[in-house]
């Protein structure tokens, strides 16, 4: 089964929130889901590992990281952008 980036991100966020992925929607914020700063960092690490990307996120200064965490939809869009950039850069490693 080939999950989309969106499906994988929602699954990771849902796991952090201890919710069913069907309960997680684009307009929700991490606060809505009960995810604190530690949960966010764990979710970012899980996203990086699952999708083999590097997320430009600084937990000490999240507002300066350039990675939009304002909502689930924003996180999905940002991750999709990172995945697309990685594919354009090629995997010649």
Protein backbone atom coordinates (compact mmCIF):
# COMPACT_ATOMS: atom_id res chain seq x y z
CA UNK A 1 0.00 0.00 0.00
CA UNK A 2 1.39 3.37 -1.00
CA UNK A 3 0.36 6.06 1.43
CA UNK A 4 0.49 9.64 0.29
CA UNK A 5 2.62 12.20 2.11
CA UNK A 6 -0.62 13.61 3.48
CA UNK A 7 -1.71 10.22 4.87
CA UNK A 8 1.64 9.62 6.51
CA UNK A 9 1.80 13.08 8.11
CA UNK A 10 -1.75 12.75 9.43
CA UNK A 11 -0.97 9.28 10.81
CA UNK A 12 2.10 10.61 12.64
CA UNK A 13 0.25 13.62 14.05
CA UNK A 14 -2.68 11.41 15.08
CA UNK A 15 -0.30 9.04 16.85
CA UNK A 16 1.18 11.94 18.83
CA UNK A 17 -2.32 13.12 19.73
CA UNK A 18 -3.45 9.57 20.57
CA UNK A 19 -6.32 9.91 18.09
CA UNK A 20 -7.61 8.00 15.12
CA UNK A 21 -6.28 9.58 11.89
CA UNK A 22 -9.90 10.13 10.78
CA UNK A 23 -10.27 12.58 13.68
CA UNK A 24 -7.42 14.80 12.44
CA UNK A 25 -8.40 17.55 10.00
CA UNK A 26 -6.50 20.25 8.09
CA UNK A 27 -7.92 23.18 10.03
CA UNK A 28 -6.91 21.83 13.43
CA UNK A 29 -3.98 23.29 15.32
CA UNK A 30 -1.56 21.26 17.39
CA UNK A 31 -3.13 22.85 20.47
CA UNK A 32 -6.56 21.62 19.32
CA UNK A 33 -5.07 18.13 19.22
CA UNK A 34 -3.40 18.45 22.62
CA UNK A 35 0.11 18.19 21.19
CA UNK A 36 2.67 20.08 23.26
CA UNK A 37 6.14 21.24 22.24
CA UNK A 38 7.70 17.85 23.06
CA UNK A 39 5.02 16.08 21.04
CA UNK A 40 5.71 18.45 18.16
CA UNK A 41 9.42 17.67 18.22
CA UNK A 42 8.68 13.93 18.31
CA UNK A 43 6.27 14.34 15.38
CA UNK A 44 8.88 16.28 13.38
CA UNK A 45 11.46 13.54 14.00
CA UNK A 46 8.95 10.87 12.99
CA UNK A 47 8.07 12.78 9.80
CA UNK A 48 11.75 13.16 8.93
CA UNK A 49 12.37 9.46 9.45
CA UNK A 50 9.24 8.26 7.66
CA UNK A 51 9.77 10.44 4.59
CA UNK A 52 13.57 10.63 4.58
CA UNK A 53 13.62 14.42 4.61
CA UNK A 54 15.18 17.11 6.77
CA UNK A 55 12.65 19.50 8.28
CA UNK A 56 13.99 23.02 8.87
CA UNK A 57 12.58 23.32 12.37
CA UNK A 58 14.17 24.85 15.45
CA UNK A 59 12.27 23.79 18.58
CA UNK A 60 13.82 26.67 20.52
CA UNK A 61 12.56 29.26 18.03
CA UNK A 62 9.71 27.65 16.06
CA UNK A 63 8.50 30.99 14.71
CA UNK A 64 11.90 31.60 13.09
CA UNK A 65 12.28 28.18 11.52
CA UNK A 66 10.39 28.88 8.31
CA UNK A 67 8.39 25.69 8.81
CA UNK A 68 4.69 26.49 9.20
CA UNK A 69 3.17 24.63 12.15
CA UNK A 70 0.06 26.82 12.40
CA UNK A 71 -2.29 23.97 11.46
CA UNK A 72 -2.34 20.35 10.32
CA UNK A 73 -2.95 21.52 6.75
CA UNK A 74 0.03 23.89 6.91
CA UNK A 75 2.29 21.12 8.18
CA UNK A 76 1.13 18.81 5.39
CA UNK A 77 1.75 21.50 2.75
CA UNK A 78 5.21 22.26 4.14
CA UNK A 79 6.17 18.58 4.23
CA UNK A 80 4.84 18.02 0.69
CA UNK A 81 7.03 20.93 -0.42
CA UNK A 82 10.10 19.40 1.24
CA UNK A 83 9.41 16.01 -0.36
CA UNK A 84 9.02 17.66 -3.78
CA UNK A 85 12.30 19.59 -3.30
CA UNK A 86 14.09 16.38 -2.39
CA UNK A 87 12.78 14.61 -5.48
CA UNK A 88 13.88 17.51 -7.69
CA UNK A 89 17.34 17.40 -6.10
CA UNK A 90 17.63 13.72 -6.96
CA UNK A 91 18.70 10.79 -4.86
CA UNK A 92 22.22 10.32 -6.14
CA UNK A 93 23.54 9.16 -2.77
